[in-house]
Amino acid sequence: YFGEWLEWVGFAILTWSWAGVVFAWWTFANLAPRSAALYKRYSEEF
């Protein structure tokens, strides 16, 4: 998820556009909570 988010941060920079920024924000908004849920799952299981 970090890699995917980083991709779209790069895309926002290389296009220098608000459209790119909103996409990078959407990627984080979707994946950051999921990464937190997976972290909790790993912690509980291992």
ModelCIF file with pLDDT and N, C-alpha, C, O atoms, coordinates in Angstrom:
data_MODEL
#
_entry.id   MODEL 
#
_entity.id                         1 
_entity.type                       polymer 
_entity.pdbx_number_of_molecules   1 
#
_entity_poly.entity_id                      1 
_entity_poly.type                           'polypeptide(L)' 
_entity_poly.nstd_linkage                   no 
_entity_poly.nstd_monomer                   no 
_entity_poly.pdbx_seq_one_letter_code       YFGEWLEWVGFAILTWSWAGVVFAWWTFANLAPRSAALYKRYSEEF 
_entity_poly.pdbx_seq_one_letter_code_can   YFGEWLEWVGFAILTWSWAGVVFAWWTFANLAPRSAALYKRYSEEF 
_entity_poly.pdbx_strand_id                 A 
#
loop_
_entity_poly_seq.entity_id 
_entity_poly_seq.num 
_entity_poly_seq.mon_id 
_entity_poly_seq.hetero 
1 1  TYR n 
1 2  PHE n 
1 3  GLY n 
1 4  GLU n 
1 5  TRP n 
1 6  LEU n 
1 7  GLU n 
1 8  TRP n 
1 9  VAL n 
1 10 GLY n 
1 11 PHE n 
1 12 ALA n 
1 13 ILE n 
1 14 LEU n 
1 15 THR n 
1 16 TRP n 
1 17 SER n 
1 18 TRP n 
1 19 ALA n 
1 20 GLY n 
1 21 VAL n 
1 22 VAL n 
1 23 PHE n 
1 24 ALA n 
1 25 TRP n 
1 26 TRP n 
1 27 THR n 
1 28 PHE n 
1 29 ALA n 
1 30 ASN n 
1 31 LEU n 
1 32 ALA n 
1 33 PRO n 
1 34 ARG n 
1 35 SER n 
1 36 ALA n 
1 37 ALA n 
1 38 LEU n 
1 39 TYR n 
1 40 LYS n 
1 41 ARG n 
1 42 TYR n 
1 43 SER n 
1 44 GLU n 
1 45 GLU n 
1 46 PHE n 
#
_struct_asym.id          A 
_struct_asym.entity_id   1 
#
loop_
_ma_qa_metric.id 
_ma_qa_metric.mode 
_ma_qa_metric.name 
_ma_qa_metric.software_group_id 
_ma_qa_metric.type 
1 global pLDDT . pLDDT 
2 local  pLDDT . pLDDT 
#
_ma_qa_metric_global.metric_id      1 
_ma_qa_metric_global.metric_value   96.78 
_ma_qa_metric_global.model_id       1 
_ma_qa_metric_global.ordinal_id     1 
#
loop_
_ma_qa_metric_local.label_asym_id 
_ma_qa_metric_local.label_comp_id 
_ma_qa_metric_local.label_seq_id 
_ma_qa_metric_local.metric_id 
_ma_qa_metric_local.metric_value 
_ma_qa_metric_local.model_id 
_ma_qa_metric_local.ordinal_id 
A TYR 1  2 97.00 1 1  
A PHE 2  2 98.00 1 2  
A GLY 3  2 98.00 1 3  
A GLU 4  2 98.00 1 4  
A TRP 5  2 98.00 1 5  
A LEU 6  2 98.00 1 6  
A GLU 7  2 98.00 1 7  
A TRP 8  2 98.00 1 8  
A VAL 9  2 98.00 1 9  
A GLY 10 2 98.00 1 10 
A PHE 11 2 98.00 1 11 
A ALA 12 2 98.00 1 12 
A ILE 13 2 98.00 1 13 
A LEU 14 2 98.00 1 14 
A THR 15 2 98.00 1 15 
A TRP 16 2 98.00 1 16 
A SER 17 2 98.00 1 17 
A TRP 18 2 98.00 1 18 
A ALA 19 2 98.00 1 19 
A GLY 20 2 98.00 1 20 
A VAL 21 2 98.00 1 21 
A VAL 22 2 98.00 1 22 
A PHE 23 2 98.00 1 23 
A ALA 24 2 98.00 1 24 
A TRP 25 2 98.00 1 25 
A TRP 26 2 98.00 1 26 
A THR 27 2 98.00 1 27 
A PHE 28 2 98.00 1 28 
A ALA 29 2 98.00 1 29 
A ASN 30 2 96.00 1 30 
A LEU 31 2 97.00 1 31 
A ALA 32 2 97.00 1 32 
A PRO 33 2 96.00 1 33 
A ARG 34 2 95.00 1 34 
A SER 35 2 96.00 1 35 
A ALA 36 2 95.00 1 36 
A ALA 37 2 94.00 1 37 
A LEU 38 2 94.00 1 38 
A TYR 39 2 95.00 1 39 
A LYS 40 2 94.00 1 40 
A ARG 41 2 93.00 1 41 
A TYR 42 2 94.00 1 42 
A SER 43 2 95.00 1 43 
A GLU 44 2 93.00 1 44 
A GLU 45 2 93.00 1 45 
A PHE 46 2 94.00 1 46 
#
loop_
_atom_site.group_PDB 
_atom_site.id 
_atom_site.type_symbol 
_atom_site.label_atom_id 
_atom_site.label_alt_id 
_atom_site.label_comp_id 
_atom_site.label_asym_id 
_atom_site.label_entity_id 
_atom_site.label_seq_id 
_atom_site.pdbx_PDB_ins_code 
_atom_site.Cartn_x 
_atom_site.Cartn_y 
_atom_site.Cartn_z 
_atom_site.occupancy 
_atom_site.B_iso_or_equiv 
_atom_site.pdbx_formal_charge 
_atom_site.auth_seq_id 
_atom_site.auth_comp_id 
_atom_site.auth_asym_id 
_atom_site.auth_atom_id 
_atom_site.pdbx_PDB_model_num 
ATOM 1   N N  . TYR A 1 1  ? 0.824  -1.209  0.000   1.00 97.00 ? 1  TYR A N  1 
ATOM 2   C CA . TYR A 1 1  ? 0.000  0.000   0.000   1.00 97.00 ? 1  TYR A CA 1 
ATOM 3   C C  . TYR A 1 1  ? 0.859  1.260   0.000   1.00 97.00 ? 1  TYR A C  1 
ATOM 4   O O  . TYR A 1 1  ? 0.518  2.254   -0.641  1.00 97.00 ? 1  TYR A O  1 
ATOM 5   N N  . PHE A 1 2  ? 1.962  1.212   0.715   1.00 98.00 ? 2  PHE A N  1 
ATOM 6   C CA . PHE A 1 2  ? 2.879  2.347   0.700   1.00 98.00 ? 2  PHE A CA 1 
ATOM 7   C C  . PHE A 1 2  ? 3.373  2.601   -0.721  1.00 98.00 ? 2  PHE A C  1 
ATOM 8   O O  . PHE A 1 2  ? 3.434  3.747   -1.165  1.00 98.00 ? 2  PHE A O  1 
ATOM 9   N N  . GLY A 1 3  ? 3.727  1.527   -1.434  1.00 98.00 ? 3  GLY A N  1 
ATOM 10  C CA . GLY A 1 3  ? 4.208  1.674   -2.800  1.00 98.00 ? 3  GLY A CA 1 
ATOM 11  C C  . GLY A 1 3  ? 3.161  2.272   -3.713  1.00 98.00 ? 3  GLY A C  1 
ATOM 12  O O  . GLY A 1 3  ? 3.469  3.138   -4.532  1.00 98.00 ? 3  GLY A O  1 
ATOM 13  N N  . GLU A 1 4  ? 1.912  1.814   -3.580  1.00 98.00 ? 4  GLU A N  1 
ATOM 14  C CA . GLU A 1 4  ? 0.846  2.345   -4.431  1.00 98.00 ? 4  GLU A CA 1 
ATOM 15  C C  . GLU A 1 4  ? 0.585  3.817   -4.134  1.00 98.00 ? 4  GLU A C  1 
ATOM 16  O O  . GLU A 1 4  ? 0.430  4.618   -5.055  1.00 98.00 ? 4  GLU A O  1 
ATOM 17  N N  . TRP A 1 5  ? 0.537  4.174   -2.863  1.00 98.00 ? 5  TRP A N  1 
ATOM 18  C CA . TRP A 1 5  ? 0.337  5.581   -2.502  1.00 98.00 ? 5  TRP A CA 1 
ATOM 19  C C  . TRP A 1 5  ? 1.476  6.441   -3.031  1.00 98.00 ? 5  TRP A C  1 
ATOM 20  O O  . TRP A 1 5  ? 1.249  7.544   -3.529  1.00 98.00 ? 5  TRP A O  1 
ATOM 21  N N  . LEU A 1 6  ? 2.725  5.926   -2.921  1.00 98.00 ? 6  LEU A N  1 
ATOM 22  C CA . LEU A 1 6  ? 3.882  6.683   -3.396  1.00 98.00 ? 6  LEU A CA 1 
ATOM 23  C C  . LEU A 1 6  ? 3.809  6.916   -4.898  1.00 98.00 ? 6  LEU A C  1 
ATOM 24  O O  . LEU A 1 6  ? 4.190  7.982   -5.382  1.00 98.00 ? 6  LEU A O  1 
ATOM 25  N N  . GLU A 1 7  ? 3.325  5.932   -5.629  1.00 98.00 ? 7  GLU A N  1 
ATOM 26  C CA . GLU A 1 7  ? 3.149  6.104   -7.074  1.00 98.00 ? 7  GLU A CA 1 
ATOM 27  C C  . GLU A 1 7  ? 2.313  7.340   -7.385  1.00 98.00 ? 7  GLU A C  1 
ATOM 28  O O  . GLU A 1 7  ? 2.678  8.156   -8.232  1.00 98.00 ? 7  GLU A O  1 
ATOM 29  N N  . TRP A 1 8  ? 1.194  7.463   -6.692  1.00 98.00 ? 8  TRP A N  1 
ATOM 30  C CA . TRP A 1 8  ? 0.267  8.542   -7.030  1.00 98.00 ? 8  TRP A CA 1 
ATOM 31  C C  . TRP A 1 8  ? 0.687  9.880   -6.444  1.00 98.00 ? 8  TRP A C  1 
ATOM 32  O O  . TRP A 1 8  ? 0.259  10.929  -6.926  1.00 98.00 ? 8  TRP A O  1 
ATOM 33  N N  . VAL A 1 9  ? 1.512  9.855   -5.417  1.00 98.00 ? 9  VAL A N  1 
ATOM 34  C CA . VAL A 1 9  ? 2.154  11.098  -4.980  1.00 98.00 ? 9  VAL A CA 1 
ATOM 35  C C  . VAL A 1 9  ? 3.085  11.570  -6.095  1.00 98.00 ? 9  VAL A C  1 
ATOM 36  O O  . VAL A 1 9  ? 3.120  12.754  -6.431  1.00 98.00 ? 9  VAL A O  1 
ATOM 37  N N  . GLY A 1 10 ? 3.838  10.624  -6.662  1.00 98.00 ? 10 GLY A N  1 
ATOM 38  C CA . GLY A 1 10 ? 4.717  10.966  -7.779  1.00 98.00 ? 10 GLY A CA 1 
ATOM 39  C C  . GLY A 1 10 ? 3.941  11.488  -8.975  1.00 98.00 ? 10 GLY A C  1 
ATOM 40  O O  . GLY A 1 10 ? 4.370  12.434  -9.635  1.00 98.00 ? 10 GLY A O  1 
ATOM 41  N N  . PHE A 1 11 ? 2.797  10.871  -9.255  1.00 98.00 ? 11 PHE A N  1 
ATOM 42  C CA . PHE A 1 11 ? 1.978  11.310  -10.391 1.00 98.00 ? 11 PHE A CA 1 
ATOM 43  C C  . PHE A 1 11 ? 1.441  12.717  -10.164 1.00 98.00 ? 11 PHE A C  1 
ATOM 44  O O  . PHE A 1 11 ? 1.391  13.527  -11.090 1.00 98.00 ? 11 PHE A O  1 
ATOM 45  N N  . ALA A 1 12 ? 1.038  13.005  -8.924  1.00 98.00 ? 12 ALA A N  1 
ATOM 46  C CA . ALA A 1 12 ? 0.554  14.355  -8.593  1.00 98.00 ? 12 ALA A CA 1 
ATOM 47  C C  . ALA A 1 12 ? 1.661  15.386  -8.805  1.00 98.00 ? 12 ALA A C  1 
ATOM 48  O O  . ALA A 1 12 ? 1.404  16.493  -9.278  1.00 98.00 ? 12 ALA A O  1 
ATOM 49  N N  . ILE A 1 13 ? 2.896  15.015  -8.450  1.00 98.00 ? 13 ILE A N  1 
ATOM 50  C CA . ILE A 1 13 ? 4.025  15.933  -8.603  1.00 98.00 ? 13 ILE A CA 1 
ATOM 51  C C  . ILE A 1 13 ? 4.369  16.117  -10.080 1.00 98.00 ? 13 ILE A C  1 
ATOM 52  O O  . ILE A 1 13 ? 4.566  17.245  -10.533 1.00 98.00 ? 13 ILE A O  1 
ATOM 53  N N  . LEU A 1 14 ? 4.443  15.022  -10.833 1.00 98.00 ? 14 LEU A N  1 
ATOM 54  C CA . LEU A 1 14 ? 4.891  15.132  -12.227 1.00 98.00 ? 14 LEU A CA 1 
ATOM 55  C C  . LEU A 1 14 ? 3.849  15.812  -13.116 1.00 98.00 ? 14 LEU A C  1 
ATOM 56  O O  . LEU A 1 14 ? 4.201  16.406  -14.136 1.00 98.00 ? 14 LEU A O  1 
ATOM 57  N N  . THR A 1 15 ? 2.563  15.728  -12.736 1.00 98.00 ? 15 THR A N  1 
ATOM 58  C CA . THR A 1 15 ? 1.537  16.464  -13.483 1.00 98.00 ? 15 THR A CA 1 
ATOM 59  C C  . THR A 1 15 ? 1.301  17.845  -12.889 1.00 98.00 ? 15 THR A C  1 
ATOM 60  O O  . THR A 1 15 ? 0.733  18.722  -13.541 1.00 98.00 ? 15 THR A O  1 
ATOM 61  N N  . TRP A 1 16 ? 1.745  18.037  -11.635 1.00 98.00 ? 16 TRP A N  1 
ATOM 62  C CA . TRP A 1 16 ? 1.595  19.315  -10.924 1.00 98.00 ? 16 TRP A CA 1 
ATOM 63  C C  . TRP A 1 16 ? 0.146  19.794  -11.016 1.00 98.00 ? 16 TRP A C  1 
ATOM 64  O O  . TRP A 1 16 ? -0.137 20.917  -11.435 1.00 98.00 ? 16 TRP A O  1 
ATOM 65  N N  . SER A 1 17 ? -0.759 18.905  -10.612 1.00 98.00 ? 17 SER A N  1 
ATOM 66  C CA . SER A 1 17 ? -2.183 19.178  -10.788 1.00 98.00 ? 17 SER A CA 1 
ATOM 67  C C  . SER A 1 17 ? -2.957 18.862  -9.516  1.00 98.00 ? 17 SER A C  1 
ATOM 68  O O  . SER A 1 17 ? -2.570 17.983  -8.747  1.00 98.00 ? 17 SER A O  1 
ATOM 69  N N  . TRP A 1 18 ? -4.068 19.593  -9.296  1.00 98.00 ? 18 TRP A N  1 
ATOM 70  C CA . TRP A 1 18 ? -4.958 19.295  -8.179  1.00 98.00 ? 18 TRP A CA 1 
ATOM 71  C C  . TRP A 1 18 ? -5.655 17.962  -8.397  1.00 98.00 ? 18 TRP A C  1 
ATOM 72  O O  . TRP A 1 18 ? -5.983 17.271  -7.433  1.00 98.00 ? 18 TRP A O  1 
ATOM 73  N N  . ALA A 1 19 ? -5.882 17.595  -9.641  1.00 98.00 ? 19 ALA A N  1 
ATOM 74  C CA . ALA A 1 19 ? -6.486 16.290  -9.917  1.00 98.00 ? 19 ALA A CA 1 
ATOM 75  C C  . ALA A 1 19 ? -5.594 15.175  -9.398  1.00 98.00 ? 19 ALA A C  1 
ATOM 76  O O  . ALA A 1 19 ? -6.078 14.211  -8.805  1.00 98.00 ? 19 ALA A O  1 
ATOM 77  N N  . GLY A 1 20 ? -4.298 15.306  -9.620  1.00 98.00 ? 20 GLY A N  1 
ATOM 78  C CA . GLY A 1 20 ? -3.342 14.324  -9.117  1.00 98.00 ? 20 GLY A CA 1 
ATOM 79  C C  . GLY A 1 20 ? -3.291 14.309  -7.600  1.00 98.00 ? 20 GLY A C  1 
ATOM 80  O O  . GLY A 1 20 ? -3.182 13.249  -6.983  1.00 98.00 ? 20 GLY A O  1 
ATOM 81  N N  . VAL A 1 21 ? -3.370 15.503  -6.995  1.00 98.00 ? 21 VAL A N  1 
ATOM 82  C CA . VAL A 1 21 ? -3.345 15.602  -5.529  1.00 98.00 ? 21 VAL A CA 1 
ATOM 83  C C  . VAL A 1 21 ? -4.561 14.908  -4.924  1.00 98.00 ? 21 VAL A C  1 
ATOM 84  O O  . VAL A 1 21 ? -4.441 14.183  -3.937  1.00 98.00 ? 21 VAL A O  1 
ATOM 85  N N  . VAL A 1 22 ? -5.729 15.131  -5.515  1.00 98.00 ? 22 VAL A N  1 
ATOM 86  C CA . VAL A 1 22 ? -6.951 14.509  -5.000  1.00 98.00 ? 22 VAL A CA 1 
ATOM 87  C C  . VAL A 1 22 ? -6.865 12.985  -5.123  1.00 98.00 ? 22 VAL A C  1 
ATOM 88  O O  . VAL A 1 22 ? -7.324 12.263  -4.238  1.00 98.00 ? 22 VAL A O  1 
ATOM 89  N N  . PHE A 1 23 ? -6.282 12.503  -6.212  1.00 98.00 ? 23 PHE A N  1 
ATOM 90  C CA . PHE A 1 23 ? -6.119 11.051  -6.363  1.00 98.00 ? 23 PHE A CA 1 
ATOM 91  C C  . PHE A 1 23 ? -5.167 10.495  -5.297  1.00 98.00 ? 23 PHE A C  1 
ATOM 92  O O  . PHE A 1 23 ? -5.445 9.456   -4.699  1.00 98.00 ? 23 PHE A O  1 
ATOM 93  N N  . ALA A 1 24 ? -4.058 11.178  -5.062  1.00 98.00 ? 24 ALA A N  1 
ATOM 94  C CA . ALA A 1 24 ? -3.122 10.732  -4.025  1.00 98.00 ? 24 ALA A CA 1 
ATOM 95  C C  . ALA A 1 24 ? -3.803 10.732  -2.656  1.00 98.00 ? 24 ALA A C  1 
ATOM 96  O O  . ALA A 1 24 ? -3.590 9.824   -1.853  1.00 98.00 ? 24 ALA A O  1 
ATOM 97  N N  . TRP A 1 25 ? -4.622 11.750  -2.393  1.00 98.00 ? 25 TRP A N  1 
ATOM 98  C CA . TRP A 1 25 ? -5.369 11.832  -1.145  1.00 98.00 ? 25 TRP A CA 1 
ATOM 99  C C  . TRP A 1 25 ? -6.378 10.682  -1.047  1.00 98.00 ? 25 TRP A C  1 
ATOM 100 O O  . TRP A 1 25 ? -6.514 10.070  0.012   1.00 98.00 ? 25 TRP A O  1 
ATOM 101 N N  . TRP A 1 26 ? -7.081 10.387  -2.135  1.00 98.00 ? 26 TRP A N  1 
ATOM 102 C CA . TRP A 1 26 ? -8.028 9.279   -2.155  1.00 98.00 ? 26 TRP A CA 1 
ATOM 103 C C  . TRP A 1 26 ? -7.318 7.959   -1.871  1.00 98.00 ? 26 TRP A C  1 
ATOM 104 O O  . TRP A 1 26 ? -7.826 7.127   -1.120  1.00 98.00 ? 26 TRP A O  1 
ATOM 105 N N  . THR A 1 27 ? -6.149 7.770   -2.469  1.00 98.00 ? 27 THR A N  1 
ATOM 106 C CA . THR A 1 27 ? -5.387 6.537   -2.258  1.00 98.00 ? 27 THR A CA 1 
ATOM 107 C C  . THR A 1 27 ? -5.034 6.378   -0.792  1.00 98.00 ? 27 THR A C  1 
ATOM 108 O O  . THR A 1 27 ? -5.170 5.293   -0.226  1.00 98.00 ? 27 THR A O  1 
ATOM 109 N N  . PHE A 1 28 ? -4.578 7.465   -0.175  1.00 98.00 ? 28 PHE A N  1 
ATOM 110 C CA . PHE A 1 28 ? -4.246 7.406   1.256   1.00 98.00 ? 28 PHE A CA 1 
ATOM 111 C C  . PHE A 1 28 ? -5.503 7.181   2.089   1.00 98.00 ? 28 PHE A C  1 
ATOM 112 O O  . PHE A 1 28 ? -5.492 6.386   3.028   1.00 98.00 ? 28 PHE A O  1 
ATOM 113 N N  . ALA A 1 29 ? -6.586 7.878   1.749   1.00 98.00 ? 29 ALA A N  1 
ATOM 114 C CA . ALA A 1 29 ? -7.823 7.763   2.515   1.00 98.00 ? 29 ALA A CA 1 
ATOM 115 C C  . ALA A 1 29 ? -8.369 6.349   2.476   1.00 98.00 ? 29 ALA A C  1 
ATOM 116 O O  . ALA A 1 29 ? -8.993 5.899   3.437   1.00 98.00 ? 29 ALA A O  1 
ATOM 117 N N  . ASN A 1 30 ? -8.145 5.649   1.387   1.00 96.00 ? 30 ASN A N  1 
ATOM 118 C CA . ASN A 1 30 ? -8.613 4.276   1.241   1.00 96.00 ? 30 ASN A CA 1 
ATOM 119 C C  . ASN A 1 30 ? -7.662 3.270   1.894   1.00 96.00 ? 30 ASN A C  1 
ATOM 120 O O  . ASN A 1 30 ? -8.102 2.334   2.560   1.00 96.00 ? 30 ASN A O  1 
ATOM 121 N N  . LEU A 1 31 ? -6.368 3.469   1.701   1.00 97.00 ? 31 LEU A N  1 
ATOM 122 C CA . LEU A 1 31 ? -5.397 2.456   2.123   1.00 97.00 ? 31 LEU A CA 1 
ATOM 123 C C  . LEU A 1 31 ? -4.877 2.623   3.545   1.00 97.00 ? 31 LEU A C  1 
ATOM 124 O O  . LEU A 1 31 ? -4.524 1.632   4.184   1.00 97.00 ? 31 LEU A O  1 
ATOM 125 N N  . ALA A 1 32 ? -4.821 3.849   4.056   1.00 97.00 ? 32 ALA A N  1 
ATOM 126 C CA . ALA A 1 32 ? -4.302 4.046   5.417   1.00 97.00 ? 32 ALA A CA 1 
ATOM 127 C C  . ALA A 1 32 ? -5.173 3.355   6.468   1.00 97.00 ? 32 ALA A C  1 
ATOM 128 O O  . ALA A 1 32 ? -4.629 2.663   7.329   1.00 97.00 ? 32 ALA A O  1 
ATOM 129 N N  . PRO A 1 33 ? -6.510 3.511   6.437   1.00 96.00 ? 33 PRO A N  1 
ATOM 130 C CA . PRO A 1 33 ? -7.332 2.785   7.410   1.00 96.00 ? 33 PRO A CA 1 
ATOM 131 C C  . PRO A 1 33 ? -7.219 1.265   7.249   1.00 96.00 ? 33 PRO A C  1 
ATOM 132 O O  . PRO A 1 33 ? -7.237 0.529   8.235   1.00 96.00 ? 33 PRO A O  1 
ATOM 133 N N  . ARG A 1 34 ? -7.102 0.802   5.999   1.00 95.00 ? 34 ARG A N  1 
ATOM 134 C CA . ARG A 1 34 ? -6.957 -0.637  5.777   1.00 95.00 ? 34 ARG A CA 1 
ATOM 135 C C  . ARG A 1 34 ? -5.626 -1.131  6.332   1.00 95.00 ? 34 ARG A C  1 
ATOM 136 O O  . ARG A 1 34 ? -5.552 -2.220  6.903   1.00 95.00 ? 34 ARG A O  1 
ATOM 137 N N  . SER A 1 35 ? -4.582 -0.335  6.166   1.00 96.00 ? 35 SER A N  1 
ATOM 138 C CA . SER A 1 35 ? -3.286 -0.730  6.719   1.00 96.00 ? 35 SER A CA 1 
ATOM 139 C C  . SER A 1 35 ? -3.356 -0.798  8.241   1.00 96.00 ? 35 SER A C  1 
ATOM 140 O O  . SER A 1 35 ? -2.709 -1.648  8.854   1.00 96.00 ? 35 SER A O  1 
ATOM 141 N N  . ALA A 1 36 ? -4.137 0.091   8.856   1.00 95.00 ? 36 ALA A N  1 
ATOM 142 C CA . ALA A 1 36 ? -4.312 0.065   10.309  1.00 95.00 ? 36 ALA A CA 1 
ATOM 143 C C  . ALA A 1 36 ? -5.055 -1.199  10.736  1.00 95.00 ? 36 ALA A C  1 
ATOM 144 O O  . ALA A 1 36 ? -4.722 -1.812  11.750  1.00 95.00 ? 36 ALA A O  1 
ATOM 145 N N  . ALA A 1 37 ? -6.064 -1.582  9.953   1.00 94.00 ? 37 ALA A N  1 
ATOM 146 C CA . ALA A 1 37 ? -6.816 -2.802  10.264  1.00 94.00 ? 37 ALA A CA 1 
ATOM 147 C C  . ALA A 1 37 ? -5.933 -4.039  10.116  1.00 94.00 ? 37 ALA A C  1 
ATOM 148 O O  . ALA A 1 37 ? -6.019 -4.963  10.925  1.00 94.00 ? 37 ALA A O  1 
ATOM 149 N N  . LEU A 1 38 ? -5.092 -4.060  9.094   1.00 94.00 ? 38 LEU A N  1 
ATOM 150 C CA . LEU A 1 38 ? -4.178 -5.183  8.902   1.00 94.00 ? 38 LEU A CA 1 
ATOM 151 C C  . LEU A 1 38 ? -3.131 -5.224  10.009  1.00 94.00 ? 38 LEU A C  1 
ATOM 152 O O  . LEU A 1 38 ? -2.763 -6.301  10.478  1.00 94.00 ? 38 LEU A O  1 
ATOM 153 N N  . TYR A 1 39 ? -2.649 -4.053  10.427  1.00 95.00 ? 39 TYR A N  1 
ATOM 154 C CA . TYR A 1 39 ? -1.682 -3.983  11.528  1.00 95.00 ? 39 TYR A CA 1 
ATOM 155 C C  . TYR A 1 39 ? -2.294 -4.591  12.788  1.00 95.00 ? 39 TYR A C  1 
ATOM 156 O O  . TYR A 1 39 ? -1.643 -5.359  13.496  1.00 95.00 ? 39 TYR A O  1 
ATOM 157 N N  . LYS A 1 40 ? -3.540 -4.244  13.058  1.00 94.00 ? 40 LYS A N  1 
ATOM 158 C CA . LYS A 1 40 ? -4.233 -4.791  14.228  1.00 94.00 ? 40 LYS A CA 1 
ATOM 159 C C  . LYS A 1 40 ? -4.382 -6.303  14.106  1.00 94.00 ? 40 LYS A C  1 
ATOM 160 O O  . LYS A 1 40 ? -4.203 -7.029  15.084  1.00 94.00 ? 40 LYS A O  1 
ATOM 161 N N  . ARG A 1 41 ? -4.710 -6.776  12.905  1.00 93.00 ? 41 ARG A N  1 
ATOM 162 C CA . ARG A 1 41 ? -4.862 -8.216  12.670  1.00 93.00 ? 41 ARG A CA 1 
ATOM 163 C C  . ARG A 1 41 ? -3.545 -8.947  12.900  1.00 93.00 ? 41 ARG A C  1 
ATOM 164 O O  . ARG A 1 41 ? -3.519 -9.994  13.548  1.00 93.00 ? 41 ARG A O  1 
ATOM 165 N N  . TYR A 1 42 ? -2.458 -8.403  12.375  1.00 94.00 ? 42 TYR A N  1 
ATOM 166 C CA . TYR A 1 42 ? -1.143 -9.009  12.595  1.00 94.00 ? 42 TYR A CA 1 
ATOM 167 C C  . TYR A 1 42 ? -0.804 -9.031  14.081  1.00 94.00 ? 42 TYR A C  1 
ATOM 168 O O  . TYR A 1 42 ? -0.292 -10.027 14.592  1.00 94.00 ? 42 TYR A O  1 
ATOM 169 N N  . SER A 1 43 ? -1.088 -7.939  14.768  1.00 95.00 ? 43 SER A N  1 
ATOM 170 C CA . SER A 1 43 ? -0.783 -7.844  16.197  1.00 95.00 ? 43 SER A CA 1 
ATOM 171 C C  . SER A 1 43 ? -1.560 -8.883  16.999  1.00 95.00 ? 43 SER A C  1 
ATOM 172 O O  . SER A 1 43 ? -1.013 -9.509  17.907  1.00 95.00 ? 43 SER A O  1 
ATOM 173 N N  . GLU A 1 44 ? -2.819 -9.062  16.665  1.00 93.00 ? 44 GLU A N  1 
ATOM 174 C CA . GLU A 1 44 ? -3.657 -10.029 17.378  1.00 93.00 ? 44 GLU A CA 1 
ATOM 175 C C  . GLU A 1 44 ? -3.239 -11.460 17.069  1.00 93.00 ? 44 GLU A C  1 
ATOM 176 O O  . GLU A 1 44 ? -3.252 -12.323 17.947  1.00 93.00 ? 44 GLU A O  1 
ATOM 177 N N  . GLU A 1 45 ? -2.869 -11.707 15.817  1.00 93.00 ? 45 GLU A N  1 
ATOM 178 C CA . GLU A 1 45 ? -2.568 -13.071 15.402  1.00 93.00 ? 45 GLU A CA 1 
ATOM 179 C C  . GLU A 1 45 ? -1.161 -13.515 15.783  1.00 93.00 ? 45 GLU A C  1 
ATOM 180 O O  . GLU A 1 45 ? -0.944 -14.683 16.106  1.00 93.00 ? 45 GLU A O  1 
ATOM 181 N N  . PHE A 1 46 ? -0.202 -12.588 15.748  1.00 94.00 ? 46 PHE A N  1 
ATOM 182 C CA . PHE A 1 46 ? 1.191  -12.971 15.976  1.00 94.00 ? 46 PHE A CA 1 
ATOM 183 C C  . PHE A 1 46 ? 1.788  -12.398 17.263  1.00 94.00 ? 46 PHE A C  1 
ATOM 184 O O  . PHE A 1 46 ? 2.954  -12.649 17.567  1.00 94.00 ? 46 PHE A O  1 
#
